[in-house]
Amino acid sequence: MPVRRLTPSDWTDLWPLLQGFGTKLPEDEARDVYGELLVDPRWAIFGALFEDRLIGYAAAQNYGPHLRAGRRHQGRLHDLYVEPGARRTGVGRELVAAVVEWAAGEVRWLEWQAHHERAAPFYERLGYRGAACPQPEYPTFEIDFG
């Protein structure tokens, strides 16, 4: 299943996925933000395609330089969404792999939170372990790239 960086022309296919994930933004505002993030070098947005149709996406951010940690510090996986009909087919695994590959060259740590029932079991099947955080229903996952 091909996974690639998204482009402006992917908007039409991405919009239904954003709605499925639960955006509250109106489409014109979401499209504007998407355009801003695509040209921001701190962001990476990947899409998974099946028969040339976008069926999932992942969005990650490099928070940039940090006064104490230097230029390679914290990154965050903000979104990982796969349309319901394509779940449990390896799409999520491929999207996570693309984000991890990108992050390994961009940041020292990659982190994300996942709902303990709805999402954390997926990441645990990939071999990641969540740690307690202030919101106990959302454990924090982290990769240290050293």
N, C-alpha and C. Protein backbone atom coordinates (compact mmCIF):
# COMPACT_ATOMS: atom_id res chain seq x y z
N MET A 1 0.85 -1.17 0.00
CA MET A 1 0.00 0.00 0.00
C MET A 1 0.89 1.23 0.00
N PRO A 2 0.78 2.07 -1.00
CA PRO A 2 1.64 3.25 -1.07
C PRO A 2 1.32 4.29 0.01
N VAL A 3 2.36 4.80 0.63
CA VAL A 3 2.26 5.92 1.57
C VAL A 3 3.21 6.99 1.06
N ARG A 4 2.73 8.23 0.99
CA ARG A 4 3.54 9.32 0.49
C ARG A 4 3.17 10.61 1.19
N ARG A 5 4.05 11.62 1.04
CA ARG A 5 3.74 12.95 1.54
C ARG A 5 2.56 13.49 0.74
N LEU A 6 1.67 14.19 1.42
CA LEU A 6 0.51 14.75 0.74
C LEU A 6 0.87 16.08 0.06
N THR A 7 0.05 16.46 -0.90
CA THR A 7 0.25 17.68 -1.68
C THR A 7 -1.06 18.46 -1.67
N PRO A 8 -1.04 19.70 -2.17
CA PRO A 8 -2.29 20.47 -2.23
C PRO A 8 -3.40 19.75 -2.99
N SER A 9 -3.05 19.00 -4.00
CA SER A 9 -4.08 18.32 -4.80
C SER A 9 -4.78 17.19 -4.04
N ASP A 10 -4.29 16.81 -2.89
CA ASP A 10 -4.92 15.75 -2.10
C ASP A 10 -6.06 16.26 -1.22
N TRP A 11 -6.31 17.55 -1.21
CA TRP A 11 -7.30 18.12 -0.30
C TRP A 11 -8.67 17.44 -0.42
N THR A 12 -9.16 17.25 -1.62
CA THR A 12 -10.51 16.70 -1.82
C THR A 12 -10.65 15.34 -1.15
N ASP A 13 -9.61 14.51 -1.21
CA ASP A 13 -9.65 13.19 -0.56
C ASP A 13 -9.39 13.27 0.93
N LEU A 14 -8.62 14.28 1.37
CA LEU A 14 -8.30 14.40 2.79
C LEU A 14 -9.49 14.91 3.60
N TRP A 15 -10.27 15.82 3.04
CA TRP A 15 -11.35 16.45 3.79
C TRP A 15 -12.30 15.44 4.44
N PRO A 16 -12.79 14.41 3.74
CA PRO A 16 -13.67 13.44 4.41
C PRO A 16 -12.97 12.70 5.56
N LEU A 17 -11.66 12.49 5.45
CA LEU A 17 -10.93 11.83 6.53
C LEU A 17 -10.87 12.74 7.76
N LEU A 18 -10.61 14.03 7.53
CA LEU A 18 -10.60 14.97 8.65
C LEU A 18 -11.96 15.02 9.34
N GLN A 19 -13.01 14.98 8.55
CA GLN A 19 -14.36 14.96 9.12
C GLN A 19 -14.59 13.67 9.91
N GLY A 20 -14.13 12.56 9.39
CA GLY A 20 -14.27 11.29 10.09
C GLY A 20 -13.52 11.27 11.41
N PHE A 21 -12.39 11.96 11.45
CA PHE A 21 -11.59 12.03 12.67
C PHE A 21 -12.21 13.00 13.67
N GLY A 22 -13.05 13.92 13.18
CA GLY A 22 -13.78 14.77 14.11
C GLY A 22 -13.40 16.23 14.11
N THR A 23 -12.95 16.78 12.98
CA THR A 23 -12.64 18.20 12.97
C THR A 23 -13.91 19.02 13.18
N LYS A 24 -13.75 20.13 13.86
CA LYS A 24 -14.86 21.07 14.06
C LYS A 24 -14.71 22.28 13.15
N LEU A 25 -13.61 22.33 12.39
CA LEU A 25 -13.36 23.47 11.51
C LEU A 25 -14.26 23.41 10.28
N PRO A 26 -14.68 24.58 9.79
CA PRO A 26 -15.36 24.60 8.50
C PRO A 26 -14.35 24.27 7.41
N GLU A 27 -14.84 23.76 6.30
CA GLU A 27 -13.92 23.29 5.25
C GLU A 27 -12.96 24.36 4.75
N ASP A 28 -13.42 25.57 4.53
CA ASP A 28 -12.51 26.60 3.99
C ASP A 28 -11.37 26.89 4.96
N GLU A 29 -11.66 26.93 6.25
CA GLU A 29 -10.60 27.17 7.23
C GLU A 29 -9.64 25.98 7.31
N ALA A 30 -10.19 24.77 7.32
CA ALA A 30 -9.35 23.57 7.37
C ALA A 30 -8.45 23.50 6.14
N ARG A 31 -8.97 23.84 4.97
CA ARG A 31 -8.17 23.83 3.75
C ARG A 31 -7.03 24.86 3.83
N ASP A 32 -7.32 26.02 4.40
CA ASP A 32 -6.28 27.05 4.56
C ASP A 32 -5.17 26.57 5.51
N VAL A 33 -5.56 25.96 6.62
CA VAL A 33 -4.57 25.45 7.57
C VAL A 33 -3.74 24.35 6.91
N TYR A 34 -4.40 23.46 6.19
CA TYR A 34 -3.70 22.39 5.47
C TYR A 34 -2.64 22.98 4.54
N GLY A 35 -3.01 24.01 3.79
CA GLY A 35 -2.06 24.66 2.89
C GLY A 35 -0.88 25.24 3.64
N GLU A 36 -1.12 25.84 4.79
CA GLU A 36 -0.04 26.40 5.60
C GLU A 36 0.91 25.30 6.09
N LEU A 37 0.34 24.20 6.55
CA LEU A 37 1.18 23.12 7.09
C LEU A 37 2.00 22.44 6.00
N LEU A 38 1.45 22.34 4.80
CA LEU A 38 2.20 21.70 3.71
C LEU A 38 3.49 22.43 3.37
N VAL A 39 3.51 23.75 3.55
CA VAL A 39 4.72 24.50 3.21
C VAL A 39 5.59 24.79 4.44
N ASP A 40 5.14 24.39 5.61
CA ASP A 40 5.91 24.58 6.84
C ASP A 40 6.87 23.40 6.97
N PRO A 41 8.19 23.64 6.94
CA PRO A 41 9.15 22.53 6.98
C PRO A 41 9.13 21.74 8.29
N ARG A 42 8.46 22.25 9.31
CA ARG A 42 8.38 21.53 10.58
C ARG A 42 7.28 20.47 10.57
N TRP A 43 6.47 20.44 9.55
CA TRP A 43 5.35 19.51 9.48
C TRP A 43 5.54 18.48 8.38
N ALA A 44 5.02 17.28 8.64
CA ALA A 44 4.98 16.22 7.62
C ALA A 44 3.58 15.61 7.67
N ILE A 45 2.92 15.57 6.54
CA ILE A 45 1.59 14.96 6.45
C ILE A 45 1.67 13.86 5.39
N PHE A 46 1.39 12.64 5.83
CA PHE A 46 1.47 11.48 4.97
C PHE A 46 0.08 10.94 4.68
N GLY A 47 -0.07 10.34 3.52
CA GLY A 47 -1.33 9.71 3.18
C GLY A 47 -1.09 8.30 2.69
N ALA A 48 -2.03 7.42 2.99
CA ALA A 48 -2.02 6.05 2.49
C ALA A 48 -3.07 5.94 1.40
N LEU A 49 -2.68 5.32 0.30
CA LEU A 49 -3.59 5.23 -0.85
C LEU A 49 -3.93 3.78 -1.16
N PHE A 50 -5.13 3.58 -1.60
CA PHE A 50 -5.58 2.30 -2.11
C PHE A 50 -6.30 2.60 -3.42
N GLU A 51 -5.78 2.03 -4.50
CA GLU A 51 -6.35 2.28 -5.84
C GLU A 51 -6.48 3.79 -6.09
N ASP A 52 -5.40 4.53 -5.81
CA ASP A 52 -5.32 5.97 -6.02
C ASP A 52 -6.31 6.79 -5.21
N ARG A 53 -6.82 6.21 -4.13
CA ARG A 53 -7.75 6.94 -3.27
C ARG A 53 -7.16 6.99 -1.87
N LEU A 54 -7.20 8.16 -1.25
CA LEU A 54 -6.67 8.35 0.09
C LEU A 54 -7.59 7.66 1.10
N ILE A 55 -7.01 6.75 1.90
CA ILE A 55 -7.81 6.02 2.88
C ILE A 55 -7.33 6.23 4.31
N GLY A 56 -6.24 6.96 4.47
CA GLY A 56 -5.73 7.27 5.80
C GLY A 56 -4.67 8.34 5.73
N TYR A 57 -4.43 8.98 6.86
CA TYR A 57 -3.40 10.01 6.90
C TYR A 57 -2.77 10.07 8.28
N ALA A 58 -1.59 10.66 8.33
CA ALA A 58 -0.89 10.91 9.59
C ALA A 58 -0.24 12.28 9.47
N ALA A 59 -0.27 13.04 10.56
CA ALA A 59 0.34 14.36 10.59
C ALA A 59 1.26 14.46 11.81
N ALA A 60 2.50 14.88 11.56
CA ALA A 60 3.49 15.00 12.63
C ALA A 60 4.19 16.34 12.53
N GLN A 61 4.72 16.78 13.68
CA GLN A 61 5.36 18.09 13.76
C GLN A 61 6.68 18.00 14.50
N ASN A 62 7.66 18.70 13.98
CA ASN A 62 8.93 18.93 14.68
C ASN A 62 8.75 20.26 15.39
N TYR A 63 8.80 20.27 16.72
CA TYR A 63 8.58 21.51 17.45
C TYR A 63 9.71 22.51 17.27
N GLY A 64 10.79 22.11 16.62
CA GLY A 64 11.88 23.05 16.34
C GLY A 64 12.90 23.10 17.45
N PRO A 65 13.84 24.06 17.36
CA PRO A 65 14.92 24.15 18.34
C PRO A 65 14.41 24.44 19.74
N HIS A 66 15.18 23.99 20.69
CA HIS A 66 14.85 24.16 22.10
C HIS A 66 16.08 24.72 22.79
N LEU A 67 15.89 25.69 23.64
CA LEU A 67 17.01 26.38 24.27
C LEU A 67 17.94 25.43 25.03
N ARG A 68 17.39 24.40 25.67
CA ARG A 68 18.24 23.47 26.43
C ARG A 68 18.57 22.21 25.66
N ALA A 69 17.71 21.79 24.74
CA ALA A 69 17.90 20.50 24.05
C ALA A 69 18.55 20.65 22.68
N GLY A 70 18.65 21.85 22.17
CA GLY A 70 19.30 22.05 20.88
C GLY A 70 18.33 21.98 19.71
N ARG A 71 18.88 21.65 18.56
CA ARG A 71 18.10 21.69 17.32
C ARG A 71 17.30 20.42 17.05
N ARG A 72 17.68 19.33 17.64
CA ARG A 72 16.92 18.08 17.42
C ARG A 72 16.28 17.71 18.75
N HIS A 73 15.05 18.09 18.93
CA HIS A 73 14.46 17.75 20.21
C HIS A 73 13.13 17.02 20.05
N GLN A 74 12.05 17.65 20.32
CA GLN A 74 10.76 16.96 20.44
C GLN A 74 9.94 17.04 19.16
N GLY A 75 9.37 15.93 18.79
CA GLY A 75 8.41 15.86 17.70
C GLY A 75 7.12 15.26 18.23
N ARG A 76 6.05 15.48 17.52
CA ARG A 76 4.76 14.97 17.97
C ARG A 76 3.97 14.42 16.80
N LEU A 77 3.45 13.23 17.00
CA LEU A 77 2.46 12.67 16.08
C LEU A 77 1.12 13.22 16.53
N HIS A 78 0.56 14.11 15.74
CA HIS A 78 -0.70 14.75 16.10
C HIS A 78 -1.91 13.92 15.68
N ASP A 79 -1.90 13.41 14.47
CA ASP A 79 -3.05 12.69 13.93
C ASP A 79 -2.61 11.39 13.28
N LEU A 80 -3.40 10.37 13.49
CA LEU A 80 -3.32 9.13 12.73
C LEU A 80 -4.75 8.67 12.56
N TYR A 81 -5.21 8.63 11.32
CA TYR A 81 -6.60 8.25 11.06
C TYR A 81 -6.65 7.37 9.82
N VAL A 82 -7.39 6.29 9.93
CA VAL A 82 -7.65 5.38 8.81
C VAL A 82 -9.16 5.23 8.73
N GLU A 83 -9.71 5.34 7.52
CA GLU A 83 -11.15 5.21 7.39
C GLU A 83 -11.58 3.84 7.90
N PRO A 84 -12.76 3.76 8.52
CA PRO A 84 -13.18 2.52 9.18
C PRO A 84 -13.11 1.27 8.30
N GLY A 85 -13.46 1.35 7.05
CA GLY A 85 -13.45 0.18 6.17
C GLY A 85 -12.06 -0.33 5.84
N ALA A 86 -11.03 0.46 6.11
CA ALA A 86 -9.66 0.06 5.79
C ALA A 86 -8.84 -0.30 7.04
N ARG A 87 -9.47 -0.29 8.19
CA ARG A 87 -8.73 -0.61 9.42
C ARG A 87 -8.43 -2.10 9.49
N ARG A 88 -7.35 -2.40 10.22
CA ARG A 88 -6.86 -3.77 10.41
C ARG A 88 -6.39 -4.41 9.10
N THR A 89 -5.90 -3.54 8.20
CA THR A 89 -5.36 -4.03 6.93
C THR A 89 -3.88 -3.67 6.77
N GLY A 90 -3.27 -3.05 7.77
CA GLY A 90 -1.88 -2.65 7.70
C GLY A 90 -1.68 -1.19 7.34
N VAL A 91 -2.77 -0.47 7.06
CA VAL A 91 -2.66 0.94 6.68
C VAL A 91 -2.07 1.76 7.81
N GLY A 92 -2.59 1.61 9.01
CA GLY A 92 -2.08 2.35 10.16
C GLY A 92 -0.61 2.05 10.41
N ARG A 93 -0.25 0.79 10.31
CA ARG A 93 1.15 0.38 10.50
C ARG A 93 2.05 1.09 9.50
N GLU A 94 1.63 1.17 8.24
CA GLU A 94 2.43 1.83 7.21
C GLU A 94 2.54 3.33 7.46
N LEU A 95 1.47 3.94 7.92
CA LEU A 95 1.51 5.38 8.23
C LEU A 95 2.44 5.66 9.40
N VAL A 96 2.37 4.84 10.45
CA VAL A 96 3.28 5.01 11.59
C VAL A 96 4.72 4.83 11.13
N ALA A 97 4.98 3.85 10.29
CA ALA A 97 6.34 3.63 9.80
C ALA A 97 6.86 4.86 9.04
N ALA A 98 6.00 5.48 8.24
CA ALA A 98 6.42 6.68 7.50
C ALA A 98 6.74 7.82 8.46
N VAL A 99 5.92 8.00 9.48
CA VAL A 99 6.16 9.06 10.46
C VAL A 99 7.45 8.79 11.22
N VAL A 100 7.66 7.55 11.64
CA VAL A 100 8.88 7.21 12.39
C VAL A 100 10.12 7.43 11.53
N GLU A 101 10.06 7.05 10.27
CA GLU A 101 11.20 7.26 9.38
C GLU A 101 11.50 8.76 9.22
N TRP A 102 10.46 9.55 9.04
CA TRP A 102 10.64 11.00 8.93
C TRP A 102 11.22 11.55 10.24
N ALA A 103 10.63 11.17 11.36
CA ALA A 103 11.03 11.71 12.66
C ALA A 103 12.47 11.34 13.01
N ALA A 104 12.91 10.17 12.63
CA ALA A 104 14.27 9.73 12.95
C ALA A 104 15.32 10.70 12.41
N GLY A 105 15.02 11.39 11.32
CA GLY A 105 15.95 12.35 10.76
C GLY A 105 15.68 13.78 11.18
N GLU A 106 14.62 14.00 11.95
CA GLU A 106 14.21 15.35 12.29
C GLU A 106 14.29 15.69 13.77
N VAL A 107 14.02 14.72 14.64
CA VAL A 107 13.87 15.01 16.06
C VAL A 107 14.62 13.99 16.91
N ARG A 108 14.81 14.33 18.15
CA ARG A 108 15.42 13.39 19.10
C ARG A 108 14.36 12.46 19.69
N TRP A 109 13.18 13.02 20.01
CA TRP A 109 12.09 12.24 20.57
C TRP A 109 10.83 12.47 19.75
N LEU A 110 10.06 11.42 19.58
CA LEU A 110 8.73 11.53 18.98
C LEU A 110 7.74 11.05 20.02
N GLU A 111 6.71 11.85 20.27
CA GLU A 111 5.73 11.45 21.28
C GLU A 111 4.32 11.60 20.73
N TRP A 112 3.40 10.92 21.39
CA TRP A 112 1.98 11.05 21.08
C TRP A 112 1.18 10.45 22.22
N GLN A 113 -0.06 10.85 22.32
CA GLN A 113 -0.98 10.26 23.28
C GLN A 113 -2.03 9.47 22.50
N ALA A 114 -2.57 8.46 23.13
CA ALA A 114 -3.58 7.63 22.49
C ALA A 114 -4.59 7.18 23.54
N HIS A 115 -5.85 7.22 23.19
CA HIS A 115 -6.90 6.78 24.12
C HIS A 115 -6.64 5.34 24.53
N HIS A 116 -6.74 5.09 25.83
CA HIS A 116 -6.34 3.78 26.37
C HIS A 116 -7.17 2.62 25.82
N GLU A 117 -8.38 2.84 25.36
CA GLU A 117 -9.19 1.75 24.79
C GLU A 117 -9.25 1.80 23.27
N ARG A 118 -9.42 3.00 22.70
CA ARG A 118 -9.65 3.10 21.26
C ARG A 118 -8.37 3.04 20.44
N ALA A 119 -7.26 3.56 20.94
CA ALA A 119 -6.06 3.67 20.10
C ALA A 119 -4.81 3.02 20.69
N ALA A 120 -4.64 3.07 22.01
CA ALA A 120 -3.42 2.53 22.61
C ALA A 120 -3.17 1.06 22.26
N PRO A 121 -4.19 0.20 22.21
CA PRO A 121 -3.92 -1.19 21.84
C PRO A 121 -3.27 -1.34 20.46
N PHE A 122 -3.61 -0.47 19.53
CA PHE A 122 -2.98 -0.50 18.20
C PHE A 122 -1.47 -0.26 18.33
N TYR A 123 -1.10 0.79 19.04
CA TYR A 123 0.32 1.10 19.19
C TYR A 123 1.05 0.01 19.97
N GLU A 124 0.38 -0.58 20.94
CA GLU A 124 0.98 -1.68 21.70
C GLU A 124 1.25 -2.88 20.79
N ARG A 125 0.34 -3.15 19.85
CA ARG A 125 0.58 -4.25 18.89
C ARG A 125 1.80 -3.96 18.02
N LEU A 126 2.13 -2.70 17.83
CA LEU A 126 3.33 -2.33 17.07
C LEU A 126 4.60 -2.39 17.92
N GLY A 127 4.44 -2.64 19.22
CA GLY A 127 5.59 -2.78 20.11
C GLY A 127 5.88 -1.58 20.97
N TYR A 128 5.06 -0.54 20.90
CA TYR A 128 5.26 0.64 21.73
C TYR A 128 4.53 0.47 23.05
N ARG A 129 5.04 1.12 24.09
CA ARG A 129 4.43 1.05 25.41
C ARG A 129 4.13 2.46 25.89
N GLY A 130 2.92 2.66 26.34
CA GLY A 130 2.51 3.96 26.84
C GLY A 130 2.86 4.12 28.31
N ALA A 131 3.10 5.35 28.70
CA ALA A 131 3.38 5.69 30.10
C ALA A 131 2.26 6.58 30.61
N ALA A 132 2.06 6.54 31.90
CA ALA A 132 1.01 7.36 32.51
C ALA A 132 1.29 8.83 32.26
N CYS A 133 0.23 9.57 32.10
CA CYS A 133 0.34 11.02 31.94
C CYS A 133 -0.77 11.67 32.77
N PRO A 134 -0.83 13.00 32.83
CA PRO A 134 -1.85 13.66 33.66
C PRO A 134 -3.29 13.28 33.30
N GLN A 135 -3.53 12.90 32.04
CA GLN A 135 -4.84 12.38 31.66
C GLN A 135 -4.72 10.87 31.58
N PRO A 136 -5.10 10.14 32.62
CA PRO A 136 -4.83 8.70 32.65
C PRO A 136 -5.47 7.90 31.52
N GLU A 137 -6.53 8.43 30.92
CA GLU A 137 -7.15 7.68 29.82
C GLU A 137 -6.39 7.86 28.50
N TYR A 138 -5.32 8.67 28.51
CA TYR A 138 -4.51 8.90 27.32
C TYR A 138 -3.03 8.68 27.64
N PRO A 139 -2.55 7.44 27.65
CA PRO A 139 -1.14 7.22 27.92
C PRO A 139 -0.26 7.88 26.85
N THR A 140 0.96 8.26 27.26
CA THR A 140 1.93 8.89 26.38
C THR A 140 2.88 7.84 25.83
N PHE A 141 3.06 7.85 24.54
CA PHE A 141 4.00 6.98 23.87
C PHE A 141 5.18 7.84 23.42
N GLU A 142 6.39 7.26 23.46
CA GLU A 142 7.56 8.04 23.07
C GLU A 142 8.61 7.12 22.44
N ILE A 143 9.24 7.65 21.41
CA ILE A 143 10.40 7.00 20.80
C ILE A 143 11.58 7.92 21.01
N ASP A 144 12.67 7.40 21.57
CA ASP A 144 13.91 8.16 21.74
C ASP A 144 14.88 7.70 20.65
N PHE A 145 15.18 8.58 19.71
CA PHE A 145 16.07 8.25 18.61
C PHE A 145 17.55 8.41 18.97
N GLY A 146 17.80 8.86 20.21
CA GLY A 146 19.17 8.98 20.70
C GLY A 146 19.95 9.93 19.89
